[in-house]
N, C-alpha and C. Protein backbone atom coordinates (compact mmCIF):
# COMPACT_ATOMS: atom_id res chain seq x y z
N MET A 1 169.52 -3.15 40.43
CA MET A 1 170.42 -2.81 39.27
C MET A 1 170.24 -3.81 38.16
N ALA A 2 170.10 -5.10 38.62
CA ALA A 2 169.92 -6.17 37.47
C ALA A 2 168.66 -5.89 36.76
N ARG A 3 167.61 -5.62 37.45
CA ARG A 3 166.46 -5.43 36.70
C ARG A 3 166.41 -4.21 35.81
N THR A 4 167.01 -3.20 36.18
CA THR A 4 166.98 -1.99 35.33
C THR A 4 167.98 -2.17 34.21
N ALA A 5 168.94 -3.08 34.24
CA ALA A 5 169.83 -3.39 33.10
C ALA A 5 169.08 -4.20 32.14
N LEU A 6 168.31 -5.20 32.52
CA LEU A 6 167.55 -6.05 31.60
C LEU A 6 166.35 -5.46 30.76
N ARG A 7 165.71 -4.44 31.52
CA ARG A 7 164.65 -3.81 30.70
C ARG A 7 165.01 -3.20 29.45
N PRO A 8 165.91 -2.34 29.27
CA PRO A 8 166.17 -1.64 27.95
C PRO A 8 166.50 -2.68 26.96
N ARG A 9 167.27 -3.83 27.31
CA ARG A 9 167.60 -4.81 26.23
C ARG A 9 166.31 -5.46 25.58
N SER A 10 165.47 -5.89 26.42
CA SER A 10 164.19 -6.48 25.95
C SER A 10 163.39 -5.53 25.26
N ALA A 11 163.30 -4.26 25.64
CA ALA A 11 162.64 -3.31 24.91
C ALA A 11 163.26 -3.03 23.55
N PHE A 12 164.55 -3.16 23.52
CA PHE A 12 165.36 -2.85 22.23
C PHE A 12 164.99 -3.94 21.26
N ARG A 13 164.89 -5.18 21.82
CA ARG A 13 164.59 -6.39 20.93
C ARG A 13 163.18 -6.26 20.45
N LEU A 14 162.30 -5.86 21.27
CA LEU A 14 160.88 -5.76 20.90
C LEU A 14 160.68 -4.70 19.76
N ARG A 15 161.46 -3.49 19.90
CA ARG A 15 161.36 -2.49 18.99
C ARG A 15 161.97 -2.93 17.53
N THR A 16 163.10 -3.61 17.76
CA THR A 16 163.70 -3.88 16.42
C THR A 16 162.87 -5.02 15.76
N GLY A 17 162.29 -5.92 16.49
CA GLY A 17 161.31 -6.96 15.81
C GLY A 17 160.13 -6.25 15.24
N LYS A 18 159.63 -5.29 15.85
CA LYS A 18 158.38 -4.58 15.33
C LYS A 18 158.72 -3.73 14.04
N THR A 19 160.00 -3.05 14.08
CA THR A 19 160.32 -2.28 13.02
C THR A 19 160.52 -3.25 11.80
N GLY A 20 161.13 -4.37 12.09
CA GLY A 20 161.53 -5.34 10.95
C GLY A 20 160.21 -5.91 10.29
N THR A 21 159.28 -6.27 11.10
CA THR A 21 158.12 -6.82 10.45
C THR A 21 157.34 -5.68 9.76
N ALA A 22 157.35 -4.52 10.25
CA ALA A 22 156.75 -3.39 9.62
C ALA A 22 157.35 -3.13 8.26
N LYS A 23 158.65 -3.26 8.16
CA LYS A 23 159.29 -2.99 6.91
C LYS A 23 158.94 -4.03 5.84
N SER A 24 158.93 -5.30 6.32
CA SER A 24 158.53 -6.38 5.42
C SER A 24 157.10 -6.27 5.06
N GLY A 25 156.25 -5.91 5.99
CA GLY A 25 154.80 -5.71 5.61
C GLY A 25 154.59 -4.62 4.50
N THR A 26 155.42 -3.51 4.75
CA THR A 26 155.26 -2.38 3.69
C THR A 26 155.62 -2.75 2.45
N ALA A 27 156.87 -3.67 2.41
CA ALA A 27 157.26 -4.12 1.00
C ALA A 27 156.19 -5.05 0.36
N LYS A 28 155.57 -5.88 1.12
CA LYS A 28 154.53 -6.76 0.48
C LYS A 28 153.32 -5.91 0.05
N THR A 29 152.97 -4.79 0.89
CA THR A 29 151.86 -3.98 0.46
C THR A 29 152.12 -3.19 -0.78
N GLU A 30 153.43 -2.75 -0.87
CA GLU A 30 153.78 -2.04 -2.06
C GLU A 30 153.68 -2.96 -3.40
N THR A 31 154.21 -4.14 -3.30
CA THR A 31 154.10 -5.11 -4.40
C THR A 31 152.61 -5.40 -4.71
N ALA A 32 151.88 -5.56 -3.59
CA ALA A 32 150.39 -5.82 -3.88
C ALA A 32 149.65 -4.77 -4.48
N LYS A 33 150.01 -3.40 -4.05
CA LYS A 33 149.43 -2.22 -4.59
C LYS A 33 149.72 -1.98 -6.09
N SER A 34 151.04 -2.21 -6.32
CA SER A 34 151.54 -1.98 -7.79
C SER A 34 150.96 -2.99 -8.66
N GLY A 35 150.98 -4.25 -8.17
CA GLY A 35 150.44 -5.35 -8.99
C GLY A 35 151.43 -5.70 -10.19
N THR A 36 152.64 -5.16 -10.26
CA THR A 36 153.54 -5.33 -11.40
C THR A 36 154.56 -6.31 -10.94
N ASP A 37 154.75 -7.26 -11.93
CA ASP A 37 155.88 -8.31 -11.70
C ASP A 37 156.82 -8.31 -12.88
N PRO A 38 158.05 -7.99 -12.81
CA PRO A 38 158.86 -7.91 -13.91
C PRO A 38 159.03 -9.22 -14.77
N LYS A 39 158.87 -10.21 -14.04
CA LYS A 39 158.81 -11.57 -14.83
C LYS A 39 157.78 -11.82 -15.67
N LYS A 40 156.54 -11.24 -15.37
CA LYS A 40 155.42 -11.42 -16.18
C LYS A 40 155.46 -10.42 -17.34
N LYS A 41 156.10 -9.36 -17.24
CA LYS A 41 156.16 -8.46 -18.36
C LYS A 41 157.02 -8.93 -19.60
N ALA A 42 158.07 -9.72 -19.20
CA ALA A 42 159.08 -10.12 -20.15
C ALA A 42 158.46 -10.91 -21.36
N PRO A 43 157.59 -11.90 -21.09
CA PRO A 43 157.08 -12.68 -22.30
C PRO A 43 156.16 -11.82 -23.11
N LYS A 44 155.46 -10.77 -22.58
CA LYS A 44 154.62 -9.94 -23.37
C LYS A 44 155.38 -9.09 -24.24
N GLU A 45 156.60 -8.53 -23.87
CA GLU A 45 157.39 -7.88 -24.72
C GLU A 45 158.12 -8.65 -25.76
N ARG A 46 158.41 -9.89 -25.46
CA ARG A 46 159.11 -10.80 -26.39
C ARG A 46 158.20 -11.32 -27.50
N THR A 47 156.85 -11.46 -27.28
CA THR A 47 155.94 -12.01 -28.32
C THR A 47 155.85 -11.15 -29.49
N ALA A 48 155.91 -9.90 -29.41
CA ALA A 48 155.80 -8.99 -30.51
C ALA A 48 156.91 -9.11 -31.49
N PRO A 49 158.23 -9.12 -31.13
CA PRO A 49 159.21 -9.36 -32.09
C PRO A 49 159.17 -10.67 -32.76
N LYS A 50 158.73 -11.69 -32.03
CA LYS A 50 158.61 -12.99 -32.64
C LYS A 50 157.57 -13.08 -33.70
N GLU A 51 156.47 -12.42 -33.43
CA GLU A 51 155.34 -12.33 -34.45
C GLU A 51 155.94 -11.61 -35.78
N LYS A 52 156.65 -10.60 -35.56
CA LYS A 52 157.22 -9.84 -36.67
C LYS A 52 158.15 -10.67 -37.53
N ARG A 53 159.02 -11.33 -36.76
CA ARG A 53 159.87 -12.32 -37.35
C ARG A 53 159.26 -13.40 -38.17
N SER A 54 158.10 -13.91 -37.63
CA SER A 54 157.51 -14.97 -38.36
C SER A 54 156.75 -14.39 -39.65
N LEU A 55 156.17 -13.28 -39.57
CA LEU A 55 155.58 -12.63 -40.64
C LEU A 55 156.74 -12.35 -41.78
N LEU A 56 157.82 -11.83 -41.43
CA LEU A 56 158.81 -11.60 -42.33
C LEU A 56 159.37 -12.81 -42.98
N ALA A 57 159.44 -13.89 -42.25
CA ALA A 57 159.87 -15.15 -42.71
C ALA A 57 158.91 -15.68 -43.73
N LEU A 58 157.67 -15.60 -43.46
CA LEU A 58 156.60 -15.96 -44.39
C LEU A 58 156.60 -15.33 -45.69
N VAL A 59 156.89 -13.95 -45.56
CA VAL A 59 157.00 -13.09 -46.82
C VAL A 59 158.20 -13.54 -47.57
N ARG A 60 159.28 -13.70 -46.90
CA ARG A 60 160.49 -14.06 -47.66
C ARG A 60 160.33 -15.50 -48.36
N ARG A 61 159.73 -16.34 -47.68
CA ARG A 61 159.56 -17.72 -48.19
C ARG A 61 158.59 -17.67 -49.44
N PHE A 62 157.54 -16.87 -49.34
CA PHE A 62 156.67 -16.78 -50.42
C PHE A 62 157.37 -16.12 -51.65
N VAL A 63 158.19 -15.07 -51.38
CA VAL A 63 158.90 -14.39 -52.62
C VAL A 63 159.95 -15.42 -53.12
N ALA A 64 160.52 -16.08 -52.35
CA ALA A 64 161.54 -17.03 -52.83
C ALA A 64 160.85 -18.22 -53.54
N MET A 65 159.71 -18.70 -53.09
CA MET A 65 159.06 -19.77 -53.88
C MET A 65 158.58 -19.31 -55.24
N VAL A 66 157.93 -18.00 -55.28
CA VAL A 66 157.56 -17.53 -56.56
C VAL A 66 158.65 -17.32 -57.46
N ALA A 67 159.83 -16.78 -57.07
CA ALA A 67 160.91 -16.55 -57.91
C ALA A 67 161.50 -17.95 -58.42
N ALA A 68 161.53 -18.88 -57.51
CA ALA A 68 161.97 -20.24 -58.00
C ALA A 68 161.07 -20.78 -58.88
N PHE A 69 159.85 -20.71 -58.77
CA PHE A 69 158.87 -21.22 -59.68
C PHE A 69 158.94 -20.62 -61.08
N ALA A 70 159.15 -19.26 -61.08
CA ALA A 70 159.31 -18.53 -62.40
C ALA A 70 160.54 -19.01 -63.05
N PHE A 71 161.60 -19.16 -62.34
CA PHE A 71 162.94 -19.59 -62.98
C PHE A 71 162.79 -21.06 -63.45
N MET A 72 161.99 -21.84 -62.74
CA MET A 72 161.83 -23.22 -63.19
C MET A 72 161.02 -23.30 -64.43
N VAL A 73 159.92 -22.53 -64.54
CA VAL A 73 159.13 -22.35 -65.75
C VAL A 73 160.04 -21.97 -66.95
N ALA A 74 160.85 -20.83 -66.84
CA ALA A 74 161.68 -20.57 -67.77
C ALA A 74 162.72 -21.53 -68.22
N PHE A 75 163.20 -22.22 -67.29
CA PHE A 75 164.15 -23.29 -67.49
C PHE A 75 163.49 -24.40 -68.34
N ALA A 76 162.30 -24.78 -67.88
CA ALA A 76 161.58 -25.88 -68.62
C ALA A 76 161.35 -25.40 -70.12
N VAL A 77 161.01 -24.16 -70.36
CA VAL A 77 160.93 -23.79 -71.80
C VAL A 77 162.22 -23.84 -72.49
N VAL A 78 163.35 -23.37 -71.92
CA VAL A 78 164.59 -23.54 -72.62
C VAL A 78 164.99 -24.99 -72.86
N LEU A 79 164.73 -25.85 -71.82
CA LEU A 79 165.01 -27.22 -71.93
C LEU A 79 164.21 -27.87 -73.11
N ALA A 80 163.00 -27.52 -73.23
CA ALA A 80 162.14 -28.04 -74.29
C ALA A 80 162.64 -27.63 -75.75
N ARG A 81 163.06 -26.33 -75.72
CA ARG A 81 163.62 -25.87 -77.02
C ARG A 81 164.85 -26.55 -77.41
N LEU A 82 165.75 -26.70 -76.44
CA LEU A 82 167.04 -27.41 -76.77
C LEU A 82 167.08 -28.81 -77.03
N THR A 83 166.08 -29.54 -76.50
CA THR A 83 166.07 -31.02 -76.60
C THR A 83 164.90 -31.57 -77.33
N LEU A 84 163.77 -30.88 -77.44
CA LEU A 84 162.64 -31.48 -78.18
C LEU A 84 162.41 -30.83 -79.56
N GLU A 85 163.09 -29.83 -79.96
CA GLU A 85 163.01 -29.34 -81.34
C GLU A 85 163.61 -30.29 -82.29
N PRO A 86 162.88 -30.60 -83.35
CA PRO A 86 163.47 -31.50 -84.40
C PRO A 86 164.62 -30.93 -85.13
N SER A 87 165.58 -31.83 -85.44
CA SER A 87 166.82 -31.32 -86.20
C SER A 87 167.06 -32.34 -87.27
N PRO A 88 166.38 -32.19 -88.43
CA PRO A 88 166.59 -32.98 -89.52
C PRO A 88 168.00 -33.02 -90.21
N ALA A 89 168.62 -31.93 -90.07
CA ALA A 89 170.05 -31.85 -90.61
C ALA A 89 171.11 -32.83 -89.91
N SER A 90 170.81 -33.15 -88.69
CA SER A 90 171.66 -34.02 -87.88
C SER A 90 171.11 -35.39 -87.78
N GLU A 91 170.18 -35.61 -88.60
CA GLU A 91 169.57 -37.02 -88.34
C GLU A 91 170.54 -38.23 -88.65
N SER A 92 171.52 -37.91 -89.68
CA SER A 92 172.43 -38.98 -90.08
C SER A 92 173.58 -39.04 -89.10
N LEU A 93 173.73 -38.04 -88.33
CA LEU A 93 174.89 -37.94 -87.41
C LEU A 93 174.59 -38.48 -86.06
N THR A 94 173.28 -38.63 -85.62
CA THR A 94 172.95 -39.08 -84.29
C THR A 94 172.74 -40.52 -84.19
N HIS A 95 173.02 -41.06 -83.11
CA HIS A 95 172.85 -42.56 -83.02
C HIS A 95 172.62 -42.81 -81.43
N THR A 96 171.92 -43.81 -81.19
CA THR A 96 171.41 -44.14 -79.95
C THR A 96 172.55 -44.74 -79.14
N ASN A 97 172.78 -44.22 -77.88
CA ASN A 97 173.93 -44.71 -77.21
C ASN A 97 173.40 -45.28 -75.77
N LEU A 98 173.58 -46.51 -75.56
CA LEU A 98 173.19 -47.11 -74.30
C LEU A 98 174.35 -47.52 -73.44
N HIS A 99 175.57 -47.15 -73.92
CA HIS A 99 176.80 -47.58 -73.20
C HIS A 99 177.51 -46.33 -72.49
N PRO A 100 177.43 -46.27 -71.22
CA PRO A 100 178.05 -45.05 -70.58
C PRO A 100 179.56 -44.87 -70.93
N GLY A 101 179.83 -43.59 -71.23
CA GLY A 101 181.17 -43.26 -71.64
C GLY A 101 181.42 -43.27 -72.99
N ARG A 102 180.73 -43.83 -73.92
CA ARG A 102 180.97 -43.85 -75.37
C ARG A 102 180.87 -42.48 -75.95
N SER A 103 179.81 -41.74 -75.70
CA SER A 103 179.63 -40.33 -76.21
C SER A 103 180.75 -39.47 -75.64
N LEU A 104 181.06 -39.63 -74.33
CA LEU A 104 182.10 -38.81 -73.78
C LEU A 104 183.35 -38.96 -74.39
N ARG A 105 183.77 -40.17 -74.76
CA ARG A 105 184.96 -40.29 -75.64
C ARG A 105 184.91 -39.70 -76.97
N ALA A 106 183.74 -39.74 -77.62
CA ALA A 106 183.55 -39.16 -78.86
C ALA A 106 183.68 -37.62 -78.70
N TYR A 107 183.13 -37.01 -77.56
CA TYR A 107 183.27 -35.56 -77.46
C TYR A 107 184.77 -35.17 -77.27
N LEU A 108 185.45 -36.05 -76.47
CA LEU A 108 186.88 -35.50 -76.21
C LEU A 108 187.83 -35.87 -77.32
N ASP A 109 187.43 -36.79 -78.26
CA ASP A 109 188.20 -37.01 -79.43
C ASP A 109 187.99 -36.04 -80.61
N GLN A 110 187.14 -35.07 -80.43
CA GLN A 110 186.98 -34.13 -81.40
C GLN A 110 188.18 -33.30 -81.54
N PRO A 111 188.57 -32.73 -82.72
CA PRO A 111 189.84 -32.11 -82.96
C PRO A 111 189.69 -30.75 -82.34
N GLU A 112 188.59 -30.10 -82.16
CA GLU A 112 188.53 -28.80 -81.63
C GLU A 112 187.93 -28.96 -80.06
N LEU A 113 188.68 -28.31 -79.26
CA LEU A 113 188.25 -28.36 -77.80
C LEU A 113 186.98 -27.72 -77.54
N ARG A 114 186.69 -26.60 -78.43
CA ARG A 114 185.53 -25.85 -78.26
C ARG A 114 184.28 -26.67 -78.40
N ASP A 115 184.26 -27.62 -79.42
CA ASP A 115 183.06 -28.43 -79.58
C ASP A 115 182.81 -29.35 -78.46
N ALA A 116 183.90 -29.94 -77.87
CA ALA A 116 183.76 -30.82 -76.69
C ALA A 116 183.28 -29.91 -75.51
N ALA A 117 183.85 -28.78 -75.35
CA ALA A 117 183.32 -28.01 -74.18
C ALA A 117 181.92 -27.64 -74.30
N LYS A 118 181.38 -27.37 -75.59
CA LYS A 118 179.96 -27.16 -75.82
C LYS A 118 179.06 -28.25 -75.49
N GLN A 119 179.52 -29.50 -75.85
CA GLN A 119 178.75 -30.67 -75.64
C GLN A 119 178.73 -31.07 -74.06
N ILE A 120 179.87 -31.09 -73.45
CA ILE A 120 179.84 -31.55 -72.16
C ILE A 120 179.55 -30.42 -71.26
N GLY A 121 179.92 -29.25 -71.39
CA GLY A 121 179.50 -28.01 -70.62
C GLY A 121 177.98 -27.76 -70.74
N GLY A 122 177.44 -27.81 -71.91
CA GLY A 122 176.04 -27.70 -72.22
C GLY A 122 175.22 -28.66 -71.38
N ASN A 123 175.54 -29.91 -71.37
CA ASN A 123 174.80 -30.92 -70.68
C ASN A 123 174.90 -30.70 -69.17
N LEU A 124 176.04 -30.28 -68.64
CA LEU A 124 176.29 -30.02 -67.31
C LEU A 124 175.37 -28.77 -66.82
N LEU A 125 175.29 -27.80 -67.69
CA LEU A 125 174.50 -26.51 -67.35
C LEU A 125 172.97 -26.83 -67.30
N LEU A 126 172.68 -27.85 -68.14
CA LEU A 126 171.22 -28.21 -68.16
C LEU A 126 170.80 -28.80 -66.85
N GLY A 127 171.67 -29.38 -66.11
CA GLY A 127 171.28 -30.09 -64.93
C GLY A 127 171.47 -29.21 -63.65
N ILE A 128 172.17 -28.13 -63.73
CA ILE A 128 172.41 -27.22 -62.59
C ILE A 128 171.10 -26.73 -62.03
N PRO A 129 170.18 -26.12 -62.83
CA PRO A 129 168.95 -25.62 -62.28
C PRO A 129 168.09 -26.59 -61.48
N PHE A 130 168.22 -27.90 -61.80
CA PHE A 130 167.48 -28.89 -61.00
C PHE A 130 168.07 -28.93 -59.48
N GLY A 131 169.36 -28.89 -59.39
CA GLY A 131 169.98 -28.95 -58.08
C GLY A 131 169.88 -27.65 -57.28
N VAL A 132 169.59 -26.58 -57.99
CA VAL A 132 169.27 -25.29 -57.33
C VAL A 132 167.87 -25.08 -56.99
N LEU A 133 166.96 -25.26 -57.91
CA LEU A 133 165.71 -24.81 -57.80
C LEU A 133 164.63 -25.97 -57.14
N VAL A 134 165.01 -27.19 -57.42
CA VAL A 134 164.05 -28.19 -56.90
C VAL A 134 164.04 -28.34 -55.41
N PRO A 135 165.26 -28.26 -54.58
CA PRO A 135 165.09 -28.17 -53.21
C PRO A 135 164.37 -27.04 -52.58
N VAL A 136 164.29 -25.88 -53.40
CA VAL A 136 163.58 -24.70 -52.88
C VAL A 136 162.11 -24.97 -53.18
N LEU A 137 161.81 -25.42 -54.33
CA LEU A 137 160.29 -25.66 -54.54
C LEU A 137 159.73 -26.76 -53.82
N ALA A 138 160.47 -27.87 -53.60
CA ALA A 138 159.98 -29.05 -52.84
C ALA A 138 160.95 -29.33 -51.70
N PRO A 139 160.75 -28.86 -50.57
CA PRO A 139 161.73 -29.08 -49.47
C PRO A 139 161.77 -30.56 -49.06
N ARG A 140 160.89 -31.41 -49.46
CA ARG A 140 160.97 -32.82 -49.18
C ARG A 140 162.01 -33.53 -49.98
N THR A 141 162.39 -32.99 -51.23
CA THR A 141 163.41 -33.50 -52.03
C THR A 141 164.81 -33.11 -51.59
N ARG A 142 164.89 -32.36 -50.54
CA ARG A 142 166.29 -31.87 -49.95
C ARG A 142 167.15 -33.16 -49.67
N GLY A 143 168.26 -33.19 -50.19
CA GLY A 143 169.19 -34.25 -49.98
C GLY A 143 169.76 -34.66 -51.30
N VAL A 144 170.96 -35.07 -51.29
CA VAL A 144 171.78 -35.36 -52.46
C VAL A 144 171.17 -36.43 -53.18
N LEU A 145 170.79 -37.59 -52.67
CA LEU A 145 170.29 -38.75 -53.37
C LEU A 145 168.85 -38.44 -54.04
N ARG A 146 168.07 -37.67 -53.30
CA ARG A 146 166.72 -37.39 -53.82
C ARG A 146 166.72 -36.40 -55.05
N VAL A 147 167.66 -35.39 -54.95
CA VAL A 147 167.87 -34.54 -56.15
C VAL A 147 168.46 -35.25 -57.35
N LEU A 148 169.43 -36.11 -57.10
CA LEU A 148 169.98 -36.88 -58.19
C LEU A 148 168.96 -37.81 -58.83
N LEU A 149 168.13 -38.39 -57.96
CA LEU A 149 167.13 -39.30 -58.50
C LEU A 149 166.18 -38.61 -59.32
N LEU A 150 165.65 -37.59 -58.84
CA LEU A 150 164.60 -36.80 -59.55
C LEU A 150 165.27 -36.29 -60.93
N THR A 151 166.46 -35.67 -60.86
CA THR A 151 167.01 -35.25 -62.05
C THR A 151 167.19 -36.37 -63.06
N ALA A 152 167.61 -37.48 -62.63
CA ALA A 152 167.86 -38.67 -63.50
C ALA A 152 166.55 -39.09 -64.13
N VAL A 153 165.42 -39.15 -63.36
CA VAL A 153 164.23 -39.61 -63.91
C VAL A 153 163.63 -38.58 -64.98
N VAL A 154 163.84 -37.24 -64.70
CA VAL A 154 163.30 -36.31 -65.65
C VAL A 154 164.08 -36.36 -66.83
N MET A 155 165.39 -36.46 -66.80
CA MET A 155 166.31 -36.45 -68.02
C MET A 155 166.17 -37.80 -68.74
N LEU A 156 165.90 -38.84 -68.10
CA LEU A 156 165.60 -40.13 -68.79
C LEU A 156 164.36 -40.06 -69.67
N LEU A 157 163.24 -39.28 -68.99
CA LEU A 157 162.04 -39.12 -69.80
C LEU A 157 162.24 -38.27 -71.05
N VAL A 158 163.13 -37.26 -70.80
CA VAL A 158 163.47 -36.39 -71.96
C VAL A 158 164.22 -37.10 -73.11
N GLU A 159 165.16 -37.95 -72.74
CA GLU A 159 165.85 -38.72 -73.60
C GLU A 159 165.13 -39.80 -74.33
N PHE A 160 164.22 -40.40 -73.65
CA PHE A 160 163.23 -41.36 -74.26
C PHE A 160 162.34 -40.62 -75.39
N ALA A 161 161.84 -39.44 -74.96
CA ALA A 161 161.08 -38.70 -75.86
C ALA A 161 161.88 -38.26 -77.10
N GLN A 162 163.09 -37.97 -76.91
CA GLN A 162 164.01 -37.46 -78.01
C GLN A 162 164.18 -38.70 -78.99
N GLY A 163 164.52 -39.87 -78.45
CA GLY A 163 164.69 -41.07 -79.28
C GLY A 163 163.44 -41.62 -79.91
N ALA A 164 162.37 -41.37 -79.32
CA ALA A 164 161.07 -42.04 -79.89
C ALA A 164 160.33 -41.10 -80.75
N MET A 165 160.42 -39.78 -80.61
CA MET A 165 159.38 -38.93 -81.26
C MET A 165 160.10 -37.73 -81.97
N ILE A 166 161.27 -37.44 -81.82
CA ILE A 166 161.87 -36.36 -82.43
C ILE A 166 162.81 -36.69 -83.46
N THR A 167 162.70 -36.17 -84.59
CA THR A 167 163.68 -36.40 -85.75
C THR A 167 165.00 -35.67 -85.54
N GLY A 168 166.04 -36.46 -85.77
CA GLY A 168 167.32 -35.78 -85.55
C GLY A 168 167.76 -35.81 -84.12
N ARG A 169 167.10 -36.52 -83.26
CA ARG A 169 167.51 -36.65 -81.89
C ARG A 169 167.56 -38.25 -81.56
N ALA A 170 168.45 -38.50 -80.60
CA ALA A 170 168.56 -39.85 -80.17
C ALA A 170 168.76 -39.99 -78.71
N PHE A 171 168.46 -41.17 -78.22
CA PHE A 171 168.71 -41.45 -76.74
C PHE A 171 170.16 -41.55 -76.49
N ASP A 172 170.66 -40.93 -75.47
CA ASP A 172 172.10 -40.90 -75.06
C ASP A 172 172.17 -40.99 -73.57
N ILE A 173 172.68 -42.12 -73.01
CA ILE A 173 172.79 -42.27 -71.54
C ILE A 173 173.84 -41.32 -71.03
N ASP A 174 174.96 -41.01 -71.76
CA ASP A 174 175.86 -40.09 -71.31
C ASP A 174 175.29 -38.54 -71.09
N ASP A 175 174.35 -38.31 -71.79
CA ASP A 175 173.62 -36.94 -71.47
C ASP A 175 172.95 -36.99 -70.17
N VAL A 176 172.40 -38.05 -69.98
CA VAL A 176 171.74 -38.26 -68.58
C VAL A 176 172.78 -38.12 -67.48
N ILE A 177 173.83 -38.82 -67.56
CA ILE A 177 174.86 -38.69 -66.66
C ILE A 177 175.44 -37.33 -66.42
N LEU A 178 175.66 -36.66 -67.54
CA LEU A 178 176.20 -35.30 -67.53
C LEU A 178 175.11 -34.30 -66.78
N ASN A 179 173.81 -34.54 -67.21
CA ASN A 179 172.80 -33.69 -66.51
C ASN A 179 172.66 -33.99 -65.03
N THR A 180 172.74 -35.27 -64.62
CA THR A 180 172.77 -35.45 -63.19
C THR A 180 173.89 -34.95 -62.42
N THR A 181 175.07 -35.00 -63.14
CA THR A 181 176.31 -34.45 -62.47
C THR A 181 176.07 -33.03 -62.34
N GLY A 182 175.49 -32.27 -63.20
CA GLY A 182 175.22 -30.81 -63.12
C GLY A 182 174.26 -30.56 -62.06
N ALA A 183 173.24 -31.29 -61.74
CA ALA A 183 172.37 -31.11 -60.64
C ALA A 183 173.17 -31.25 -59.31
N LEU A 184 173.98 -32.30 -59.27
CA LEU A 184 174.83 -32.38 -58.04
C LEU A 184 175.71 -31.12 -57.74
N ILE A 185 176.30 -30.65 -58.91
CA ILE A 185 177.13 -29.45 -58.67
C ILE A 185 176.15 -28.17 -58.24
N GLY A 186 174.98 -27.98 -58.86
CA GLY A 186 174.13 -26.94 -58.33
C GLY A 186 173.71 -27.14 -56.99
N TYR A 187 173.37 -28.32 -56.58
CA TYR A 187 172.82 -28.49 -55.12
C TYR A 187 173.93 -28.34 -54.13
N VAL A 188 175.16 -28.72 -54.44
CA VAL A 188 176.27 -28.62 -53.48
C VAL A 188 176.73 -27.12 -53.42
N LEU A 189 176.65 -26.47 -54.49
CA LEU A 189 177.21 -25.00 -54.53
C LEU A 189 176.22 -24.05 -53.99
N LEU A 190 174.91 -24.26 -54.27
CA LEU A 190 173.86 -23.26 -54.06
C LEU A 190 172.51 -23.83 -53.43
N GLY A 191 172.12 -24.90 -54.12
CA GLY A 191 170.76 -25.39 -53.75
C GLY A 191 170.55 -25.77 -52.25
N ARG A 192 171.49 -26.34 -51.68
CA ARG A 192 171.35 -26.74 -50.24
C ARG A 192 171.21 -25.53 -49.38
N ARG A 193 172.15 -24.39 -49.66
CA ARG A 193 172.01 -23.24 -48.84
C ARG A 193 170.70 -22.41 -49.09
N LEU A 194 170.29 -22.48 -50.31
CA LEU A 194 169.05 -21.77 -50.53
C LEU A 194 167.84 -22.42 -49.92
N SER A 195 167.79 -23.73 -49.97
CA SER A 195 166.75 -24.53 -49.32
C SER A 195 166.76 -24.45 -47.86
N ARG A 196 167.86 -24.30 -47.23
CA ARG A 196 167.96 -24.10 -45.78
C ARG A 196 167.49 -22.66 -45.35
N ALA A 197 167.89 -21.78 -46.22
CA ALA A 197 167.52 -20.47 -45.91
C ALA A 197 166.03 -20.09 -46.04
N VAL A 198 165.47 -20.62 -47.08
CA VAL A 198 163.97 -20.49 -47.31
C VAL A 198 163.21 -21.35 -46.38
N HIS A 199 163.46 -22.59 -46.21
CA HIS A 199 162.62 -23.43 -45.29
C HIS A 199 163.38 -23.74 -43.98
N ARG A 200 163.42 -22.74 -43.14
CA ARG A 200 163.99 -23.05 -41.84
C ARG A 200 162.99 -23.63 -40.93
């Protein structure tokens, strides 16, 4: 009776072992036959959207650079007309100013507020395009100090040209200060965001 009781248990173990190995073998053969691995497919599917995004980014960057360059050229023309055109009628009214704040006090002491707003606001507006366009055209100039330094150098050259070669124009250090302040306003409000959006 003991022998007959042990035989079916061992047979059952052998049968289950065989069926288990057979199932695992069939699973391996199915993966070998199909040859498909879901992990390997994922990178191939992801590369296509990345390439499209990179192409779109290049196109956007090119369009933004061309637009910024066009605006910069237009601004340079306007700046040259406003600052480098001779004004013989105002020759007796203009004086060289090397003391910061002197011209600002003269602007504020004018009887009409409109004239002071034109002088101060006009010089501020002349500096705003530097803070907006320069970081887009030259990403290495991104940063407050670099933008301010570049604007100050350009405006100093313009003021020197006014005082040395243009009749009815004079060098004024307060104009340089106002132009640089305008560049700071333009960079903080818009230039920094545009530069980061274009040159990611």
